[in-house]
Each structure stands twice: as structure tokens, then as C-alpha cells.
């Protein structure tokens, strides 16, 4: 069943590849990718935001990396690369649930994968050349790192990728801040973060 859900997710994100939005934001990003891959240099900062502040450079760099990885010469190919990264996020979440999450909690994670796979809003935004559209993979990696925050590797992954989230798009800092505040608060209170844990995990803060 899980494989079927992932196949449906792939179909929804990859069919009709030319049916994508290509407005001002997408034009700016694609041109930055085209210039960088043709030897013109990487931009130091990203496109102007809605309040005319420039986004961090990583908001453009992540698309340059996608353009190089998938050999994207057209907006359609770059948008397909975005869709593939999000299929990677869903697949990683599914495999993690299947292999790592305790059996008693596994069904909840499977439902999360299923809803994310067919959510209309997810389908629309996960086939779009937009900084927010590449966040899901980094969000999944952040959550996995956070769940293993009592280990050096898990805490390091949580901290590093949470910073990357905010550098790709400012909204990523909201997730990073929420996890940090929740964890710090529960550590201070001495209670579990969720019902999977009988006691709070000792975070490797350093």
C-alpha cells in the first residue's frame, strides 16, 4: 500500500510537466540558474522578497544545484527536479517510518505520508520553481535528526539542516524555532516531547 501511495504521488507531480506556473519569481530563479551553469557566477543573494528585502543566497543556490544535478536547460526540467526532490522527501519519510518508527506508532506516520502525497496544495507547490517548494526534503531530514537528538549525529543534523531551512527561505526558521522552543521547554520542565517518549531525551546541545 505504501508503494502504491508513492506511485500516485509521483504521477501527480510528474504528469503534464508543462503545466507549471512561470511568473516573475520563476523567471528570476531560472535565469539565475542559467547564468550560473553557463559560467556567469553564482548570485551572492536571492531575489527580492515581497517587502523588497533580498532573500539569502541559498534560495538561489539550491536551484543552481538542482539545475546541475538534473541537467536542466528549460524551466520544465528545473520544475521536474523540484518535484523529484519532493518525491525523495516522501520516500525518505516512508522508509524511516517503516524501518525506524516503533510498530505501535507506524500507522500514524503512514497516514502522514499518504496525506502529504495526495494533498492538492502539496501537489501544486511541489512542482513549482519556488524556494518554499524545495523545503520538504530538508524538513523531513530536520525531523529525523531531531528525533535522534540524544545522539551526536542526530543533534548535529537537526542543527545544521534547520539552519539551511532558514537560508533557503525565511519561513524555514519558523519550523526551526518551533522545534527549538518545544525541546528546550520540555527539557526544562522535565516532561516528554510526545507520547512516544516516557521521559525527555537528553539533547546533545553542544
N, C-alpha and C. Protein backbone atom coordinates (compact mmCIF):
# COMPACT_ATOMS: atom_id res chain seq x y z
N UNK A 1 0.82 -1.20 0.00
CA UNK A 1 0.00 0.00 0.00
C UNK A 1 0.86 1.26 0.00
N UNK A 2 1.94 1.24 0.78
CA UNK A 2 2.82 2.41 0.86
C UNK A 2 3.45 2.69 -0.50
N UNK A 3 3.84 1.63 -1.20
CA UNK A 3 4.43 1.80 -2.53
C UNK A 3 3.40 2.40 -3.49
N UNK A 4 2.16 1.94 -3.39
CA UNK A 4 1.09 2.47 -4.24
C UNK A 4 0.90 3.97 -4.01
N UNK A 5 0.94 4.39 -2.74
CA UNK A 5 0.80 5.80 -2.41
C UNK A 5 1.93 6.61 -3.04
N UNK A 6 3.15 6.09 -2.99
CA UNK A 6 4.29 6.81 -3.56
C UNK A 6 4.19 6.87 -5.09
N UNK A 7 3.67 5.82 -5.71
CA UNK A 7 3.46 5.84 -7.16
C UNK A 7 2.43 6.90 -7.55
N UNK A 8 1.35 6.98 -6.76
CA UNK A 8 0.34 8.01 -7.01
C UNK A 8 0.95 9.40 -6.84
N UNK A 9 1.77 9.58 -5.79
CA UNK A 9 2.43 10.86 -5.56
C UNK A 9 3.30 11.24 -6.76
N UNK A 10 4.03 10.26 -7.29
CA UNK A 10 4.90 10.52 -8.44
C UNK A 10 4.09 10.92 -9.66
N UNK A 11 2.98 10.22 -9.88
CA UNK A 11 2.14 10.53 -11.03
C UNK A 11 1.58 11.95 -10.93
N UNK A 12 1.11 12.33 -9.75
CA UNK A 12 0.53 13.65 -9.57
C UNK A 12 1.55 14.77 -9.77
N UNK A 13 2.80 14.50 -9.49
CA UNK A 13 3.84 15.54 -9.58
C UNK A 13 4.57 15.56 -10.92
N UNK A 14 4.50 14.47 -11.66
CA UNK A 14 5.29 14.38 -12.89
C UNK A 14 4.48 14.37 -14.18
N UNK A 15 3.17 14.11 -14.09
CA UNK A 15 2.36 14.14 -15.32
C UNK A 15 2.16 15.59 -15.76
N UNK A 16 1.91 15.77 -17.04
CA UNK A 16 1.71 17.10 -17.63
C UNK A 16 2.82 18.07 -17.18
N UNK A 17 4.06 17.77 -17.50
CA UNK A 17 5.17 18.57 -16.97
C UNK A 17 5.16 20.03 -17.39
N UNK A 18 4.53 20.35 -18.52
CA UNK A 18 4.50 21.75 -18.96
C UNK A 18 3.43 22.57 -18.24
N UNK A 19 2.59 21.91 -17.48
CA UNK A 19 1.52 22.61 -16.75
C UNK A 19 2.06 23.13 -15.43
N UNK A 20 2.91 24.16 -15.51
CA UNK A 20 3.53 24.74 -14.33
C UNK A 20 3.38 26.26 -14.38
N UNK A 21 3.46 26.88 -13.21
CA UNK A 21 3.45 28.34 -13.14
C UNK A 21 4.82 28.87 -13.51
N UNK A 22 4.85 29.94 -14.30
CA UNK A 22 6.13 30.55 -14.66
C UNK A 22 5.96 32.07 -14.67
N UNK A 23 5.92 32.65 -13.47
CA UNK A 23 5.77 34.09 -13.32
C UNK A 23 7.10 34.76 -13.06
N UNK A 24 7.04 35.91 -12.41
CA UNK A 24 8.25 36.70 -12.17
C UNK A 24 9.27 35.98 -11.30
N UNK A 25 8.80 35.35 -10.21
CA UNK A 25 9.71 34.64 -9.30
C UNK A 25 10.42 33.50 -10.03
N UNK A 26 9.64 32.75 -10.81
CA UNK A 26 10.19 31.60 -11.50
C UNK A 26 11.18 32.04 -12.59
N UNK A 27 10.86 33.15 -13.25
CA UNK A 27 11.76 33.67 -14.28
C UNK A 27 13.09 34.09 -13.67
N UNK A 28 13.04 34.79 -12.54
CA UNK A 28 14.27 35.25 -11.88
C UNK A 28 15.14 34.05 -11.51
N UNK A 29 14.51 33.05 -10.91
CA UNK A 29 15.27 31.88 -10.44
C UNK A 29 15.86 31.11 -11.61
N UNK A 30 15.07 30.88 -12.65
CA UNK A 30 15.58 30.13 -13.79
C UNK A 30 16.73 30.87 -14.47
N UNK A 31 16.62 32.19 -14.58
CA UNK A 31 17.70 32.96 -15.19
C UNK A 31 18.98 32.88 -14.35
N UNK A 32 18.82 32.90 -13.00
CA UNK A 32 19.99 32.75 -12.13
C UNK A 32 20.65 31.40 -12.35
N UNK A 33 19.85 30.35 -12.52
CA UNK A 33 20.39 29.01 -12.78
C UNK A 33 21.09 28.98 -14.13
N UNK A 34 20.44 29.53 -15.14
CA UNK A 34 21.02 29.52 -16.49
C UNK A 34 22.36 30.26 -16.53
N UNK A 35 22.42 31.43 -15.88
CA UNK A 35 23.65 32.22 -15.88
C UNK A 35 24.76 31.47 -15.14
N UNK A 36 24.43 30.91 -13.97
CA UNK A 36 25.44 30.21 -13.17
C UNK A 36 25.99 29.00 -13.89
N UNK A 37 25.12 28.21 -14.52
CA UNK A 37 25.56 26.99 -15.17
C UNK A 37 26.30 27.26 -16.48
N UNK A 38 26.15 28.47 -17.00
CA UNK A 38 26.89 28.83 -18.21
C UNK A 38 28.20 29.54 -17.89
N UNK A 39 28.57 29.57 -16.59
CA UNK A 39 29.85 30.13 -16.18
C UNK A 39 29.79 31.58 -15.75
N UNK A 40 28.59 32.10 -15.55
CA UNK A 40 28.43 33.52 -15.22
C UNK A 40 28.54 33.85 -13.75
N UNK A 41 28.74 32.85 -12.89
CA UNK A 41 28.87 33.10 -11.46
C UNK A 41 27.55 32.93 -10.71
N UNK A 42 27.70 32.58 -9.44
CA UNK A 42 26.55 32.38 -8.58
C UNK A 42 26.16 33.71 -7.92
N UNK A 43 24.86 34.00 -7.80
CA UNK A 43 24.45 35.25 -7.15
C UNK A 43 24.78 35.23 -5.66
N UNK A 44 25.19 36.40 -5.13
CA UNK A 44 25.51 36.48 -3.70
C UNK A 44 24.28 36.44 -2.83
N UNK A 45 23.16 36.93 -3.35
CA UNK A 45 21.89 36.93 -2.62
C UNK A 45 20.79 36.47 -3.57
N UNK A 46 19.62 36.17 -2.99
CA UNK A 46 18.50 35.71 -3.79
C UNK A 46 17.66 36.86 -4.31
N UNK A 47 16.50 36.52 -4.82
CA UNK A 47 15.60 37.52 -5.39
C UNK A 47 15.01 38.42 -4.30
N UNK A 48 14.51 39.61 -4.66
CA UNK A 48 13.84 40.45 -3.67
C UNK A 48 12.58 39.77 -3.13
N UNK A 49 12.34 39.93 -1.84
CA UNK A 49 11.14 39.37 -1.22
C UNK A 49 9.96 40.30 -1.44
N UNK A 50 8.81 39.93 -0.89
CA UNK A 50 7.62 40.75 -1.03
C UNK A 50 7.74 42.12 -0.40
N UNK A 51 8.66 42.26 0.55
CA UNK A 51 8.88 43.57 1.18
C UNK A 51 10.20 44.18 0.68
N UNK A 52 10.69 43.65 -0.46
CA UNK A 52 11.85 44.19 -1.17
C UNK A 52 13.17 44.01 -0.43
N UNK A 53 13.22 43.11 0.52
CA UNK A 53 14.49 42.68 1.09
C UNK A 53 14.96 41.48 0.30
N UNK A 54 16.26 41.39 0.07
CA UNK A 54 16.78 40.28 -0.71
C UNK A 54 16.81 39.01 0.12
N UNK A 55 16.39 37.91 -0.48
CA UNK A 55 16.46 36.61 0.18
C UNK A 55 17.91 36.14 0.26
N UNK A 56 18.23 35.24 1.19
CA UNK A 56 19.59 34.70 1.27
C UNK A 56 20.00 34.02 -0.03
N UNK A 57 21.29 33.97 -0.26
CA UNK A 57 21.79 33.39 -1.50
C UNK A 57 21.41 31.93 -1.70
N UNK A 58 21.25 31.19 -0.59
CA UNK A 58 20.94 29.77 -0.72
C UNK A 58 19.59 29.53 -1.38
N UNK A 59 18.71 30.53 -1.37
CA UNK A 59 17.42 30.38 -2.05
C UNK A 59 17.61 30.23 -3.55
N UNK A 60 18.70 30.75 -4.07
CA UNK A 60 19.04 30.57 -5.49
C UNK A 60 20.00 29.41 -5.68
N UNK A 61 20.94 29.24 -4.75
CA UNK A 61 21.96 28.20 -4.90
C UNK A 61 21.35 26.81 -4.98
N UNK A 62 20.27 26.59 -4.21
CA UNK A 62 19.67 25.26 -4.20
C UNK A 62 19.12 24.91 -5.58
N UNK A 63 18.64 25.92 -6.32
CA UNK A 63 18.14 25.66 -7.67
C UNK A 63 19.28 25.49 -8.67
N UNK A 64 20.39 26.21 -8.44
CA UNK A 64 21.55 26.00 -9.29
C UNK A 64 22.05 24.57 -9.14
N UNK A 65 22.06 24.08 -7.90
CA UNK A 65 22.47 22.69 -7.65
C UNK A 65 21.51 21.72 -8.34
N UNK A 66 20.21 22.00 -8.26
CA UNK A 66 19.23 21.14 -8.93
C UNK A 66 19.42 21.19 -10.43
N UNK A 67 19.65 22.39 -10.97
CA UNK A 67 19.85 22.51 -12.41
C UNK A 67 21.05 21.72 -12.89
N UNK A 68 22.12 21.75 -12.08
CA UNK A 68 23.32 20.98 -12.44
C UNK A 68 23.06 19.48 -12.31
N UNK A 69 22.39 19.09 -11.22
CA UNK A 69 22.17 17.68 -10.95
C UNK A 69 21.29 17.03 -12.02
N UNK A 70 20.25 17.75 -12.45
CA UNK A 70 19.31 17.17 -13.41
C UNK A 70 19.55 17.65 -14.84
N UNK A 71 20.62 18.42 -15.05
CA UNK A 71 20.90 18.92 -16.39
C UNK A 71 19.77 19.74 -16.95
N UNK A 72 19.20 20.61 -16.13
CA UNK A 72 18.01 21.36 -16.51
C UNK A 72 18.37 22.53 -17.42
N UNK A 73 17.93 22.46 -18.67
CA UNK A 73 18.14 23.53 -19.63
C UNK A 73 16.87 24.35 -19.86
N UNK A 74 15.76 23.90 -19.33
CA UNK A 74 14.49 24.59 -19.51
C UNK A 74 13.77 24.69 -18.16
N UNK A 75 12.82 25.63 -18.03
CA UNK A 75 12.04 25.71 -16.80
C UNK A 75 11.31 24.40 -16.47
N UNK A 76 10.84 23.71 -17.49
CA UNK A 76 10.12 22.45 -17.27
C UNK A 76 11.04 21.43 -16.61
N UNK A 77 12.28 21.34 -17.08
CA UNK A 77 13.23 20.39 -16.50
C UNK A 77 13.60 20.78 -15.07
N UNK A 78 13.71 22.09 -14.81
CA UNK A 78 14.03 22.52 -13.45
C UNK A 78 12.87 22.23 -12.51
N UNK A 79 11.64 22.47 -12.97
CA UNK A 79 10.47 22.16 -12.15
C UNK A 79 10.36 20.66 -11.89
N UNK A 80 10.75 19.85 -12.87
CA UNK A 80 10.75 18.40 -12.65
C UNK A 80 11.76 18.03 -11.57
N UNK A 81 12.89 18.71 -11.54
CA UNK A 81 13.86 18.46 -10.48
C UNK A 81 13.29 18.77 -9.11
N UNK A 82 12.52 19.86 -9.00
CA UNK A 82 11.85 20.19 -7.74
C UNK A 82 10.91 19.06 -7.34
N UNK A 83 10.12 18.59 -8.28
CA UNK A 83 9.17 17.51 -8.00
C UNK A 83 9.89 16.25 -7.53
N UNK A 84 11.01 15.95 -8.14
CA UNK A 84 11.76 14.74 -7.77
C UNK A 84 12.30 14.86 -6.35
N UNK A 85 12.76 16.06 -5.96
CA UNK A 85 13.25 16.22 -4.59
C UNK A 85 12.12 15.98 -3.59
N UNK A 86 10.93 16.38 -3.95
CA UNK A 86 9.80 16.18 -3.03
C UNK A 86 9.35 14.73 -3.00
N UNK A 87 9.48 14.04 -4.10
CA UNK A 87 9.24 12.60 -4.07
C UNK A 87 10.29 11.92 -3.20
N UNK A 88 11.51 12.44 -3.23
CA UNK A 88 12.55 11.93 -2.34
C UNK A 88 12.19 12.14 -0.88
N UNK A 89 11.59 13.31 -0.58
CA UNK A 89 11.18 13.59 0.79
C UNK A 89 10.11 12.60 1.25
N UNK A 90 9.11 12.35 0.40
CA UNK A 90 8.06 11.40 0.75
C UNK A 90 8.62 9.99 0.92
N UNK A 91 9.53 9.60 0.03
CA UNK A 91 10.13 8.27 0.11
C UNK A 91 10.96 8.11 1.37
N UNK A 92 11.73 9.15 1.71
CA UNK A 92 12.55 9.10 2.92
C UNK A 92 11.67 8.98 4.15
N UNK A 93 10.58 9.74 4.18
CA UNK A 93 9.65 9.68 5.31
C UNK A 93 9.03 8.29 5.42
N UNK A 94 8.67 7.71 4.28
CA UNK A 94 8.05 6.38 4.28
C UNK A 94 9.04 5.32 4.76
N UNK A 95 10.26 5.37 4.26
CA UNK A 95 11.27 4.38 4.66
C UNK A 95 11.61 4.53 6.14
N UNK A 96 11.72 5.77 6.60
CA UNK A 96 12.03 5.99 8.01
C UNK A 96 10.91 5.43 8.90
N UNK A 97 9.66 5.68 8.50
CA UNK A 97 8.54 5.15 9.28
C UNK A 97 8.55 3.62 9.30
N UNK A 98 8.86 3.03 8.18
CA UNK A 98 8.85 1.57 8.05
C UNK A 98 10.00 0.92 8.80
N UNK A 99 11.17 1.56 8.78
CA UNK A 99 12.36 0.93 9.33
C UNK A 99 12.70 1.34 10.76
N UNK A 100 12.28 2.54 11.18
CA UNK A 100 12.76 3.09 12.44
C UNK A 100 11.65 3.33 13.46
N UNK A 101 10.52 3.88 13.02
CA UNK A 101 9.45 4.22 13.95
C UNK A 101 8.90 2.95 14.60
N UNK A 102 8.66 2.99 15.92
CA UNK A 102 8.10 1.81 16.59
C UNK A 102 6.79 1.35 15.94
N UNK A 103 6.58 0.05 15.90
CA UNK A 103 5.44 -0.51 15.21
C UNK A 103 4.11 0.09 15.70
N UNK A 104 4.02 0.34 16.99
CA UNK A 104 2.75 0.87 17.53
C UNK A 104 2.41 2.24 16.99
N UNK A 105 3.43 3.01 16.56
CA UNK A 105 3.21 4.37 16.06
C UNK A 105 3.28 4.45 14.54
N UNK A 106 3.60 3.37 13.90
CA UNK A 106 3.90 3.39 12.48
C UNK A 106 2.72 3.83 11.63
N UNK A 107 1.51 3.42 12.00
CA UNK A 107 0.35 3.75 11.18
C UNK A 107 0.14 5.26 11.06
N UNK A 108 0.38 5.99 12.15
CA UNK A 108 0.24 7.45 12.12
C UNK A 108 1.20 8.06 11.09
N UNK A 109 2.40 7.54 11.03
CA UNK A 109 3.39 8.05 10.07
C UNK A 109 2.99 7.69 8.65
N UNK A 110 2.43 6.50 8.47
CA UNK A 110 1.97 6.11 7.14
C UNK A 110 0.85 7.04 6.66
N UNK A 111 -0.05 7.39 7.55
CA UNK A 111 -1.12 8.33 7.19
C UNK A 111 -0.53 9.69 6.82
N UNK A 112 0.51 10.10 7.53
CA UNK A 112 1.16 11.37 7.21
C UNK A 112 1.72 11.34 5.79
N UNK A 113 2.37 10.23 5.44
CA UNK A 113 2.89 10.09 4.07
C UNK A 113 1.74 10.13 3.06
N UNK A 114 0.66 9.42 3.36
CA UNK A 114 -0.47 9.36 2.44
C UNK A 114 -1.11 10.72 2.21
N UNK A 115 -1.35 11.46 3.29
CA UNK A 115 -1.97 12.78 3.14
C UNK A 115 -1.04 13.74 2.41
N UNK A 116 0.24 13.69 2.70
CA UNK A 116 1.20 14.57 2.03
C UNK A 116 1.31 14.22 0.55
N UNK A 117 1.14 12.95 0.23
CA UNK A 117 1.29 12.50 -1.15
C UNK A 117 0.19 13.03 -2.05
N UNK A 118 -1.03 13.13 -1.53
CA UNK A 118 -2.17 13.50 -2.38
C UNK A 118 -2.77 14.86 -2.05
N UNK A 119 -2.21 15.58 -1.08
CA UNK A 119 -2.73 16.90 -0.75
C UNK A 119 -2.69 17.81 -1.97
N UNK A 120 -3.82 18.40 -2.38
CA UNK A 120 -3.83 19.26 -3.57
C UNK A 120 -2.83 20.41 -3.48
N UNK A 121 -2.72 21.04 -2.30
CA UNK A 121 -1.79 22.15 -2.16
C UNK A 121 -0.34 21.67 -2.30
N UNK A 122 -0.05 20.50 -1.75
CA UNK A 122 1.30 19.95 -1.88
C UNK A 122 1.62 19.66 -3.34
N UNK A 123 0.67 19.10 -4.05
CA UNK A 123 0.89 18.77 -5.46
C UNK A 123 1.17 20.04 -6.27
N UNK A 124 0.41 21.10 -6.00
CA UNK A 124 0.59 22.36 -6.74
C UNK A 124 1.96 22.96 -6.47
N UNK A 125 2.32 23.04 -5.20
CA UNK A 125 3.55 23.73 -4.84
C UNK A 125 4.80 22.89 -5.03
N UNK A 126 4.65 21.56 -5.06
CA UNK A 126 5.83 20.71 -5.18
C UNK A 126 6.20 20.41 -6.63
N UNK A 127 5.62 21.16 -7.54
CA UNK A 127 6.06 21.10 -8.94
C UNK A 127 6.24 22.53 -9.45
N UNK A 128 6.82 23.35 -8.59
CA UNK A 128 6.93 24.77 -8.86
C UNK A 128 8.35 25.26 -8.57
N UNK A 129 8.86 26.14 -9.42
CA UNK A 129 10.20 26.72 -9.21
C UNK A 129 10.06 27.85 -8.20
N UNK A 130 10.16 27.49 -6.94
CA UNK A 130 9.89 28.42 -5.84
C UNK A 130 10.67 27.94 -4.63
N UNK A 131 11.30 28.85 -3.91
CA UNK A 131 12.16 28.43 -2.80
C UNK A 131 11.42 27.55 -1.79
N UNK A 132 10.18 27.93 -1.45
CA UNK A 132 9.43 27.14 -0.48
C UNK A 132 9.17 25.73 -0.97
N UNK A 133 9.19 25.54 -2.29
CA UNK A 133 8.86 24.24 -2.86
C UNK A 133 9.94 23.19 -2.65
N UNK A 134 11.16 23.62 -2.32
CA UNK A 134 12.22 22.64 -2.09
C UNK A 134 12.44 22.36 -0.60
N UNK A 135 11.63 22.96 0.26
CA UNK A 135 11.81 22.78 1.70
C UNK A 135 11.43 21.39 2.23
N UNK A 136 10.43 20.68 1.64
CA UNK A 136 10.01 19.42 2.27
C UNK A 136 11.13 18.42 2.55
N UNK A 137 12.06 18.25 1.62
CA UNK A 137 13.15 17.29 1.86
C UNK A 137 13.97 17.71 3.07
N UNK A 138 14.27 18.98 3.19
CA UNK A 138 15.04 19.47 4.33
C UNK A 138 14.23 19.38 5.62
N UNK A 139 12.91 19.56 5.52
CA UNK A 139 12.05 19.42 6.71
C UNK A 139 12.08 17.99 7.23
N UNK A 140 11.98 17.02 6.32
CA UNK A 140 12.00 15.61 6.74
C UNK A 140 13.34 15.27 7.40
N UNK A 141 14.44 15.74 6.81
CA UNK A 141 15.76 15.45 7.39
C UNK A 141 15.88 16.11 8.76
N UNK A 142 15.35 17.32 8.90
CA UNK A 142 15.37 18.01 10.20
C UNK A 142 14.61 17.21 11.25
N UNK A 143 13.43 16.72 10.90
CA UNK A 143 12.61 15.96 11.85
C UNK A 143 13.33 14.66 12.25
N UNK A 144 13.94 14.00 11.28
CA UNK A 144 14.66 12.76 11.60
C UNK A 144 15.83 13.06 12.54
N UNK A 145 16.58 14.11 12.25
CA UNK A 145 17.68 14.48 13.14
C UNK A 145 17.18 14.82 14.53
N UNK A 146 16.08 15.57 14.58
CA UNK A 146 15.50 15.97 15.87
C UNK A 146 15.05 14.77 16.69
N UNK A 147 14.50 13.76 16.04
CA UNK A 147 14.04 12.58 16.76
C UNK A 147 15.20 11.79 17.36
N UNK A 148 16.40 12.03 16.86
CA UNK A 148 17.59 11.35 17.39
C UNK A 148 18.54 12.38 18.01
N UNK A 149 17.96 13.37 18.65
CA UNK A 149 18.73 14.49 19.22
C UNK A 149 19.57 14.10 20.42
N UNK A 150 19.38 12.89 20.94
CA UNK A 150 20.21 12.43 22.03
C UNK A 150 21.53 11.84 21.53
N UNK A 151 21.70 11.75 20.23
CA UNK A 151 22.94 11.28 19.63
C UNK A 151 23.66 12.46 18.98
N UNK A 152 24.95 12.38 18.92
CA UNK A 152 25.73 13.45 18.30
C UNK A 152 25.32 13.67 16.85
N UNK A 153 25.18 12.58 16.10
CA UNK A 153 24.84 12.70 14.68
C UNK A 153 23.45 13.30 14.48
N UNK A 154 22.49 12.88 15.33
CA UNK A 154 21.14 13.40 15.21
C UNK A 154 21.05 14.87 15.56
N UNK A 155 21.67 15.26 16.67
CA UNK A 155 21.63 16.66 17.09
C UNK A 155 22.33 17.55 16.07
N UNK A 156 23.47 17.08 15.54
CA UNK A 156 24.20 17.86 14.54
C UNK A 156 23.36 18.04 13.28
N UNK A 157 22.71 16.96 12.83
CA UNK A 157 21.86 17.03 11.64
C UNK A 157 20.71 17.99 11.86
N UNK A 158 20.06 17.88 13.00
CA UNK A 158 18.96 18.79 13.35
C UNK A 158 19.43 20.24 13.28
N UNK A 159 20.54 20.56 13.93
CA UNK A 159 21.02 21.93 13.97
C UNK A 159 21.44 22.45 12.60
N UNK A 160 22.19 21.65 11.86
CA UNK A 160 22.70 22.08 10.57
C UNK A 160 21.59 22.29 9.55
N UNK A 161 20.71 21.29 9.41
CA UNK A 161 19.68 21.37 8.38
C UNK A 161 18.62 22.39 8.75
N UNK A 162 18.36 22.59 10.04
CA UNK A 162 17.43 23.64 10.45
C UNK A 162 17.94 25.01 10.03
N UNK A 163 19.25 25.24 10.11
CA UNK A 163 19.83 26.49 9.63
C UNK A 163 19.68 26.62 8.12
N UNK A 164 19.89 25.51 7.41
CA UNK A 164 19.74 25.53 5.96
C UNK A 164 18.31 25.87 5.57
N UNK A 165 17.33 25.34 6.31
CA UNK A 165 15.93 25.66 6.04
C UNK A 165 15.71 27.17 5.98
N UNK A 166 16.21 27.88 6.99
CA UNK A 166 16.02 29.31 7.04
C UNK A 166 16.80 30.06 6.00
N UNK A 167 17.92 29.49 5.52
CA UNK A 167 18.70 30.14 4.47
C UNK A 167 18.07 29.96 3.10
N UNK A 168 17.32 28.88 2.92
CA UNK A 168 16.60 28.69 1.65
C UNK A 168 15.39 29.61 1.61
N UNK A 169 14.66 29.66 2.70
CA UNK A 169 13.52 30.60 2.80
C UNK A 169 13.27 30.91 4.27
N UNK A 170 12.97 32.17 4.53
CA UNK A 170 12.81 32.62 5.91
C UNK A 170 11.76 31.81 6.67
N UNK A 171 10.75 31.32 5.98
CA UNK A 171 9.71 30.53 6.65
C UNK A 171 10.28 29.28 7.30
N UNK A 172 11.42 28.80 6.81
CA UNK A 172 12.04 27.63 7.42
C UNK A 172 12.45 27.87 8.86
N UNK A 173 12.74 29.13 9.20
CA UNK A 173 13.10 29.45 10.57
C UNK A 173 11.93 29.25 11.53
N UNK A 174 10.69 29.33 11.03
CA UNK A 174 9.54 29.11 11.91
C UNK A 174 9.53 27.66 12.41
N UNK A 175 9.80 26.72 11.50
CA UNK A 175 9.86 25.32 11.92
C UNK A 175 11.05 25.11 12.86
N UNK A 176 12.19 25.69 12.49
CA UNK A 176 13.38 25.53 13.33
C UNK A 176 13.15 26.10 14.72
N UNK A 177 12.54 27.28 14.79
CA UNK A 177 12.28 27.90 16.08
C UNK A 177 11.28 27.09 16.90
N UNK A 178 10.27 26.55 16.24
CA UNK A 178 9.25 25.76 16.95
C UNK A 178 9.88 24.53 17.60
N UNK A 179 10.72 23.82 16.84
CA UNK A 179 11.37 22.63 17.40
C UNK A 179 12.30 23.00 18.54
N UNK A 180 13.04 24.09 18.38
CA UNK A 180 13.97 24.51 19.42
C UNK A 180 13.23 24.88 20.71
N UNK A 181 12.18 25.70 20.57
CA UNK A 181 11.44 26.16 21.76
C UNK A 181 10.75 24.98 22.43
N UNK A 182 10.12 24.12 21.65
CA UNK A 182 9.44 22.94 22.20
C UNK A 182 10.42 22.07 22.98
N UNK A 183 11.56 21.81 22.37
CA UNK A 183 12.54 20.92 23.00
C UNK A 183 13.14 21.55 24.26
N UNK A 184 13.52 22.82 24.17
CA UNK A 184 14.11 23.49 25.33
C UNK A 184 13.10 23.57 26.47
N UNK A 185 11.84 23.84 26.16
CA UNK A 185 10.81 23.96 27.17
C UNK A 185 10.57 22.63 27.88
N UNK A 186 10.45 21.56 27.09
CA UNK A 186 10.18 20.25 27.70
C UNK A 186 11.39 19.75 28.48
N UNK A 187 12.58 20.08 28.02
CA UNK A 187 13.77 19.71 28.79
C UNK A 187 13.76 20.41 30.15
N UNK A 188 13.43 21.69 30.13
CA UNK A 188 13.40 22.46 31.37
C UNK A 188 12.28 21.97 32.30
N UNK A 189 11.14 21.63 31.72
CA UNK A 189 10.01 21.14 32.51
C UNK A 189 10.19 19.70 32.95
N UNK A 190 11.04 18.96 32.25
CA UNK A 190 11.28 17.57 32.61
C UNK A 190 10.22 16.61 32.12
N UNK A 191 9.45 17.03 31.10
CA UNK A 191 8.40 16.16 30.57
C UNK A 191 8.74 15.68 29.17
N UNK A 192 8.04 14.66 28.67
CA UNK A 192 8.31 14.15 27.33
C UNK A 192 7.84 15.13 26.26
N UNK A 193 8.49 15.10 25.10
CA UNK A 193 8.07 15.94 23.99
C UNK A 193 6.81 15.40 23.36
N UNK A 194 6.67 14.09 23.28
CA UNK A 194 5.46 13.49 22.73
C UNK A 194 5.21 12.18 23.46
N UNK A 195 4.10 11.55 23.10
CA UNK A 195 3.68 10.35 23.82
C UNK A 195 4.53 9.14 23.50
N UNK A 196 5.43 9.23 22.52
CA UNK A 196 6.32 8.10 22.24
C UNK A 196 7.39 7.96 23.31
N UNK A 197 7.62 9.03 24.06
CA UNK A 197 8.74 9.06 24.97
C UNK A 197 8.28 9.05 26.42
N UNK A 198 8.67 8.08 27.22
CA UNK A 198 8.30 8.08 28.64
C UNK A 198 9.00 9.19 29.42
N UNK A 199 10.14 9.66 28.88
CA UNK A 199 10.89 10.73 29.53
C UNK A 199 11.60 11.52 28.43
N UNK A 200 11.94 12.76 28.68
CA UNK A 200 12.59 13.54 27.63
C UNK A 200 13.97 13.01 27.28
N UNK A 201 14.28 13.03 26.01
CA UNK A 201 15.60 12.60 25.59
C UNK A 201 16.61 13.68 25.93
N UNK A 202 17.77 13.26 26.37
CA UNK A 202 18.83 14.20 26.69
C UNK A 202 19.41 14.74 25.38
N UNK A 203 19.28 16.03 25.16
CA UNK A 203 19.71 16.62 23.90
C UNK A 203 21.22 16.88 23.93
N UNK A 204 21.88 16.55 22.83
CA UNK A 204 23.30 16.86 22.70
C UNK A 204 23.43 18.30 22.21
N UNK A 205 23.17 19.26 23.13
CA UNK A 205 23.13 20.66 22.75
C UNK A 205 24.45 21.16 22.18
N UNK A 206 25.55 20.69 22.70
CA UNK A 206 26.83 21.19 22.23
C UNK A 206 27.07 20.86 20.75
